[in-house]
């Protein structure tokens, strides 16, 4: 087990996804953020919705996750932004070292 984390969130359009990604990396809350276009099906306010979204895969550390959550609440337009945190069990030692050095 490492102290590194993956955090997932989604955004409704590409510009917002990029703005969130840039904000997290500029603040040194994330080493890297991948943006992937996806189609989401979900229940919202009693209705089933289907919309294109952009999935952000945020690479960070356990100690920065609280600040990532706070930044998502600040930067995101969604009423309830997705914020799911998963531990990184293992990985390339050089990549994980770089990740840790890139996040404050």
N, C-alpha and C. Protein backbone atom coordinates (compact mmCIF):
# COMPACT_ATOMS: atom_id res chain seq x y z
N UNK A 1 0.86 -1.19 0.00
CA UNK A 1 0.00 0.00 0.00
C UNK A 1 0.89 1.23 0.00
N UNK A 2 0.46 2.25 -0.74
CA UNK A 2 1.20 3.51 -0.80
C UNK A 2 0.33 4.61 -0.21
N UNK A 3 0.90 5.80 -0.10
CA UNK A 3 0.12 6.97 0.33
C UNK A 3 -0.45 7.72 -0.87
N UNK A 4 -0.37 7.14 -2.05
CA UNK A 4 -0.86 7.78 -3.27
C UNK A 4 -2.33 7.42 -3.49
N UNK A 5 -3.07 8.32 -4.14
CA UNK A 5 -4.50 8.14 -4.34
C UNK A 5 -4.91 8.53 -5.76
N UNK A 6 -5.99 7.90 -6.21
CA UNK A 6 -6.70 8.30 -7.42
C UNK A 6 -8.04 8.87 -6.96
N UNK A 7 -8.39 10.04 -7.45
CA UNK A 7 -9.69 10.64 -7.15
C UNK A 7 -10.42 10.80 -8.48
N UNK A 8 -11.67 10.38 -8.51
CA UNK A 8 -12.51 10.52 -9.70
C UNK A 8 -13.54 11.62 -9.48
N UNK A 9 -13.75 12.40 -10.52
CA UNK A 9 -14.87 13.33 -10.58
C UNK A 9 -15.29 13.43 -12.04
N UNK A 10 -16.47 13.97 -12.29
CA UNK A 10 -16.91 14.20 -13.66
C UNK A 10 -17.31 15.66 -13.80
N UNK A 11 -17.24 16.14 -15.05
CA UNK A 11 -17.66 17.50 -15.37
C UNK A 11 -18.57 17.44 -16.59
N UNK A 12 -19.45 18.41 -16.70
CA UNK A 12 -20.44 18.41 -17.77
C UNK A 12 -19.92 18.81 -19.13
N UNK A 13 -18.79 19.51 -19.18
CA UNK A 13 -18.23 19.88 -20.48
C UNK A 13 -16.71 19.92 -20.41
N UNK A 14 -16.09 19.94 -21.58
CA UNK A 14 -14.63 19.87 -21.68
C UNK A 14 -13.95 21.07 -21.01
N UNK A 15 -14.48 22.26 -21.20
CA UNK A 15 -13.85 23.45 -20.63
C UNK A 15 -13.82 23.37 -19.11
N UNK A 16 -14.94 22.99 -18.50
CA UNK A 16 -14.95 22.88 -17.04
C UNK A 16 -13.97 21.81 -16.58
N UNK A 17 -13.92 20.68 -17.27
CA UNK A 17 -12.98 19.62 -16.92
C UNK A 17 -11.55 20.14 -16.97
N UNK A 18 -11.21 20.87 -18.03
CA UNK A 18 -9.86 21.42 -18.16
C UNK A 18 -9.58 22.46 -17.09
N UNK A 19 -10.56 23.30 -16.79
CA UNK A 19 -10.37 24.32 -15.74
C UNK A 19 -10.11 23.67 -14.39
N UNK A 20 -10.86 22.62 -14.07
CA UNK A 20 -10.65 21.91 -12.81
C UNK A 20 -9.27 21.26 -12.80
N UNK A 21 -8.91 20.58 -13.89
CA UNK A 21 -7.61 19.92 -13.97
C UNK A 21 -6.47 20.92 -13.78
N UNK A 22 -6.52 22.04 -14.52
CA UNK A 22 -5.48 23.06 -14.40
C UNK A 22 -5.44 23.61 -12.98
N UNK A 23 -6.60 23.87 -12.39
CA UNK A 23 -6.65 24.40 -11.03
C UNK A 23 -5.99 23.47 -10.03
N UNK A 24 -6.24 22.17 -10.15
CA UNK A 24 -5.66 21.20 -9.22
C UNK A 24 -4.15 21.09 -9.39
N UNK A 25 -3.69 21.06 -10.64
CA UNK A 25 -2.25 20.92 -10.89
C UNK A 25 -1.53 22.22 -10.51
N UNK A 26 -2.10 23.37 -10.85
CA UNK A 26 -1.47 24.64 -10.49
C UNK A 26 -1.33 24.80 -8.99
N UNK A 27 -2.31 24.33 -8.23
CA UNK A 27 -2.28 24.43 -6.76
C UNK A 27 -1.43 23.33 -6.12
N UNK A 28 -0.84 22.48 -6.94
CA UNK A 28 -0.02 21.34 -6.50
C UNK A 28 -0.82 20.37 -5.64
N UNK A 29 -2.10 20.24 -5.96
CA UNK A 29 -2.97 19.26 -5.30
C UNK A 29 -3.00 17.95 -6.08
N UNK A 30 -2.58 17.99 -7.34
CA UNK A 30 -2.53 16.80 -8.20
C UNK A 30 -1.25 16.86 -9.02
N UNK A 31 -0.67 15.69 -9.23
CA UNK A 31 0.51 15.60 -10.10
C UNK A 31 0.07 15.58 -11.55
N UNK A 32 -1.08 14.96 -11.81
CA UNK A 32 -1.57 14.77 -13.16
C UNK A 32 -3.07 14.55 -13.10
N UNK A 33 -3.78 15.02 -14.12
CA UNK A 33 -5.22 14.76 -14.24
C UNK A 33 -5.48 14.34 -15.68
N UNK A 34 -6.02 13.13 -15.84
CA UNK A 34 -6.45 12.67 -17.16
C UNK A 34 -7.91 13.05 -17.35
N UNK A 35 -8.27 13.44 -18.58
CA UNK A 35 -9.65 13.80 -18.91
C UNK A 35 -10.12 12.85 -20.00
N UNK A 36 -11.21 12.14 -19.72
CA UNK A 36 -11.73 11.13 -20.64
C UNK A 36 -13.21 11.42 -20.88
N UNK A 37 -13.62 11.49 -22.15
CA UNK A 37 -15.04 11.70 -22.44
C UNK A 37 -15.79 10.39 -22.20
N UNK A 38 -16.90 10.48 -21.48
CA UNK A 38 -17.72 9.32 -21.13
C UNK A 38 -19.20 9.65 -21.32
N UNK A 39 -20.02 8.64 -21.31
CA UNK A 39 -21.48 8.78 -21.30
C UNK A 39 -21.96 8.29 -19.94
N UNK A 40 -22.69 9.10 -19.20
CA UNK A 40 -23.14 8.75 -17.86
C UNK A 40 -24.64 8.56 -17.82
N UNK A 41 -25.07 7.51 -17.13
CA UNK A 41 -26.48 7.25 -16.85
C UNK A 41 -26.61 7.26 -15.34
N UNK A 42 -27.52 8.08 -14.81
CA UNK A 42 -27.61 8.24 -13.36
C UNK A 42 -29.01 8.70 -12.98
N UNK A 43 -29.32 8.56 -11.70
CA UNK A 43 -30.60 9.04 -11.17
C UNK A 43 -30.36 10.39 -10.51
N UNK A 44 -31.16 11.39 -10.87
CA UNK A 44 -31.03 12.73 -10.29
C UNK A 44 -32.41 13.30 -10.08
N UNK A 45 -32.71 13.61 -8.83
CA UNK A 45 -33.98 14.20 -8.43
C UNK A 45 -35.16 13.38 -8.95
N UNK A 46 -35.05 12.05 -8.79
CA UNK A 46 -36.13 11.14 -9.12
C UNK A 46 -36.21 10.72 -10.58
N UNK A 47 -35.38 11.27 -11.42
CA UNK A 47 -35.41 10.95 -12.85
C UNK A 47 -34.11 10.28 -13.28
N UNK A 48 -34.19 9.38 -14.24
CA UNK A 48 -32.99 8.78 -14.81
C UNK A 48 -32.52 9.67 -15.96
N UNK A 49 -31.27 10.06 -15.88
CA UNK A 49 -30.66 10.97 -16.85
C UNK A 49 -29.57 10.24 -17.63
N UNK A 50 -29.30 10.73 -18.82
CA UNK A 50 -28.18 10.23 -19.63
C UNK A 50 -27.56 11.43 -20.32
N UNK A 51 -26.27 11.67 -20.03
CA UNK A 51 -25.58 12.82 -20.60
C UNK A 51 -24.12 12.50 -20.86
N UNK A 52 -23.53 13.15 -21.85
CA UNK A 52 -22.08 13.06 -22.00
C UNK A 52 -21.42 13.85 -20.87
N UNK A 53 -20.35 13.33 -20.35
CA UNK A 53 -19.57 14.00 -19.30
C UNK A 53 -18.10 13.78 -19.59
N UNK A 54 -17.28 14.42 -18.79
CA UNK A 54 -15.84 14.23 -18.86
C UNK A 54 -15.37 13.74 -17.50
N UNK A 55 -14.77 12.56 -17.50
CA UNK A 55 -14.24 11.94 -16.29
C UNK A 55 -12.84 12.46 -16.04
N UNK A 56 -12.60 12.96 -14.84
CA UNK A 56 -11.27 13.40 -14.44
C UNK A 56 -10.68 12.34 -13.53
N UNK A 57 -9.51 11.86 -13.89
CA UNK A 57 -8.77 10.88 -13.10
C UNK A 57 -7.60 11.65 -12.49
N UNK A 58 -7.72 11.92 -11.21
CA UNK A 58 -6.81 12.82 -10.50
C UNK A 58 -5.81 11.98 -9.71
N UNK A 59 -4.50 12.19 -9.97
CA UNK A 59 -3.46 11.49 -9.23
C UNK A 59 -2.93 12.42 -8.15
N UNK A 60 -3.02 11.96 -6.89
CA UNK A 60 -2.66 12.80 -5.76
C UNK A 60 -2.13 11.94 -4.62
N UNK A 61 -2.02 12.54 -3.45
CA UNK A 61 -1.57 11.82 -2.27
C UNK A 61 -2.67 11.82 -1.21
N UNK A 62 -2.55 10.91 -0.26
CA UNK A 62 -3.55 10.83 0.81
C UNK A 62 -3.63 12.13 1.58
N UNK A 63 -2.48 12.75 1.84
CA UNK A 63 -2.48 13.98 2.64
C UNK A 63 -3.12 15.16 1.91
N UNK A 64 -3.19 15.11 0.58
CA UNK A 64 -3.79 16.21 -0.19
C UNK A 64 -5.28 15.99 -0.49
N UNK A 65 -5.81 14.82 -0.19
CA UNK A 65 -7.19 14.50 -0.59
C UNK A 65 -8.23 15.45 0.00
N UNK A 66 -8.08 15.85 1.23
CA UNK A 66 -9.03 16.80 1.83
C UNK A 66 -9.03 18.12 1.09
N UNK A 67 -7.84 18.58 0.69
CA UNK A 67 -7.73 19.82 -0.06
C UNK A 67 -8.25 19.66 -1.49
N UNK A 68 -8.11 18.46 -2.06
CA UNK A 68 -8.70 18.18 -3.38
C UNK A 68 -10.22 18.27 -3.29
N UNK A 69 -10.80 17.66 -2.26
CA UNK A 69 -12.26 17.73 -2.08
C UNK A 69 -12.72 19.17 -1.95
N UNK A 70 -12.00 19.97 -1.17
CA UNK A 70 -12.36 21.38 -0.98
C UNK A 70 -12.25 22.14 -2.30
N UNK A 71 -11.20 21.88 -3.07
CA UNK A 71 -11.02 22.55 -4.35
C UNK A 71 -12.12 22.15 -5.33
N UNK A 72 -12.51 20.88 -5.34
CA UNK A 72 -13.60 20.45 -6.22
C UNK A 72 -14.90 21.17 -5.86
N UNK A 73 -15.17 21.31 -4.57
CA UNK A 73 -16.38 22.03 -4.14
C UNK A 73 -16.33 23.48 -4.61
N UNK A 74 -15.14 24.07 -4.63
CA UNK A 74 -14.98 25.46 -5.06
C UNK A 74 -15.05 25.62 -6.58
N UNK A 75 -14.39 24.72 -7.32
CA UNK A 75 -14.22 24.88 -8.76
C UNK A 75 -15.37 24.30 -9.59
N UNK A 76 -16.16 23.42 -9.00
CA UNK A 76 -17.14 22.64 -9.75
C UNK A 76 -18.49 23.34 -9.84
N UNK A 77 -19.17 23.16 -10.97
CA UNK A 77 -20.50 23.76 -11.13
C UNK A 77 -21.63 22.85 -10.65
N UNK A 78 -21.34 21.55 -10.48
CA UNK A 78 -22.39 20.61 -10.06
C UNK A 78 -22.83 20.89 -8.62
N UNK A 79 -24.11 20.69 -8.37
CA UNK A 79 -24.64 20.82 -7.01
C UNK A 79 -23.97 19.81 -6.07
N UNK A 80 -23.79 18.59 -6.56
CA UNK A 80 -23.12 17.54 -5.79
C UNK A 80 -22.05 16.90 -6.68
N UNK A 81 -20.85 17.47 -6.71
CA UNK A 81 -19.83 16.89 -7.58
C UNK A 81 -19.38 15.52 -7.08
N UNK A 82 -19.18 14.62 -8.02
CA UNK A 82 -18.61 13.31 -7.69
C UNK A 82 -17.22 13.52 -7.11
N UNK A 83 -16.91 12.78 -6.07
CA UNK A 83 -15.56 12.79 -5.51
C UNK A 83 -15.35 11.43 -4.86
N UNK A 84 -14.71 10.53 -5.61
CA UNK A 84 -14.47 9.18 -5.13
C UNK A 84 -12.97 8.97 -5.06
N UNK A 85 -12.49 8.55 -3.91
CA UNK A 85 -11.07 8.38 -3.66
C UNK A 85 -10.73 6.89 -3.54
N UNK A 86 -9.71 6.47 -4.29
CA UNK A 86 -9.25 5.09 -4.23
C UNK A 86 -7.76 5.05 -3.92
N UNK A 87 -7.32 4.10 -3.08
CA UNK A 87 -5.88 3.99 -2.82
C UNK A 87 -5.16 3.35 -4.00
N UNK A 88 -3.93 3.77 -4.20
CA UNK A 88 -3.06 3.10 -5.17
C UNK A 88 -2.26 2.08 -4.38
N UNK A 89 -2.51 0.83 -4.63
CA UNK A 89 -1.86 -0.25 -3.88
C UNK A 89 -0.37 -0.35 -4.21
N UNK A 90 -0.04 -0.23 -5.50
CA UNK A 90 1.34 -0.38 -5.94
C UNK A 90 1.45 0.23 -7.33
N UNK A 91 2.67 0.39 -7.80
CA UNK A 91 2.89 0.92 -9.14
C UNK A 91 4.36 1.12 -9.39
N UNK A 92 4.68 1.70 -10.53
CA UNK A 92 6.05 2.00 -10.88
C UNK A 92 6.66 2.90 -9.80
N UNK A 93 7.76 2.47 -9.24
CA UNK A 93 8.38 3.23 -8.15
C UNK A 93 8.76 4.65 -8.61
N UNK A 94 9.32 4.77 -9.81
CA UNK A 94 9.71 6.10 -10.31
C UNK A 94 8.50 6.99 -10.52
N UNK A 95 7.40 6.42 -11.04
CA UNK A 95 6.19 7.23 -11.25
C UNK A 95 5.61 7.66 -9.92
N UNK A 96 5.53 6.75 -8.95
CA UNK A 96 4.96 7.10 -7.65
C UNK A 96 5.82 8.13 -6.93
N UNK A 97 7.15 8.03 -7.10
CA UNK A 97 8.04 9.05 -6.52
C UNK A 97 7.76 10.42 -7.14
N UNK A 98 7.64 10.46 -8.48
CA UNK A 98 7.34 11.71 -9.18
C UNK A 98 6.01 12.27 -8.71
N UNK A 99 5.01 11.40 -8.59
CA UNK A 99 3.69 11.83 -8.12
C UNK A 99 3.81 12.50 -6.76
N UNK A 100 4.50 11.85 -5.84
CA UNK A 100 4.65 12.39 -4.50
C UNK A 100 5.40 13.72 -4.48
N UNK A 101 6.41 13.87 -5.33
CA UNK A 101 7.19 15.10 -5.39
C UNK A 101 6.41 16.24 -6.03
N UNK A 102 5.40 15.91 -6.82
CA UNK A 102 4.62 16.93 -7.55
C UNK A 102 3.47 17.49 -6.75
N UNK A 103 3.13 16.87 -5.63
CA UNK A 103 1.99 17.29 -4.81
C UNK A 103 2.52 17.81 -3.48
N UNK A 104 1.98 18.95 -3.06
CA UNK A 104 2.38 19.52 -1.74
C UNK A 104 1.35 19.21 -0.70
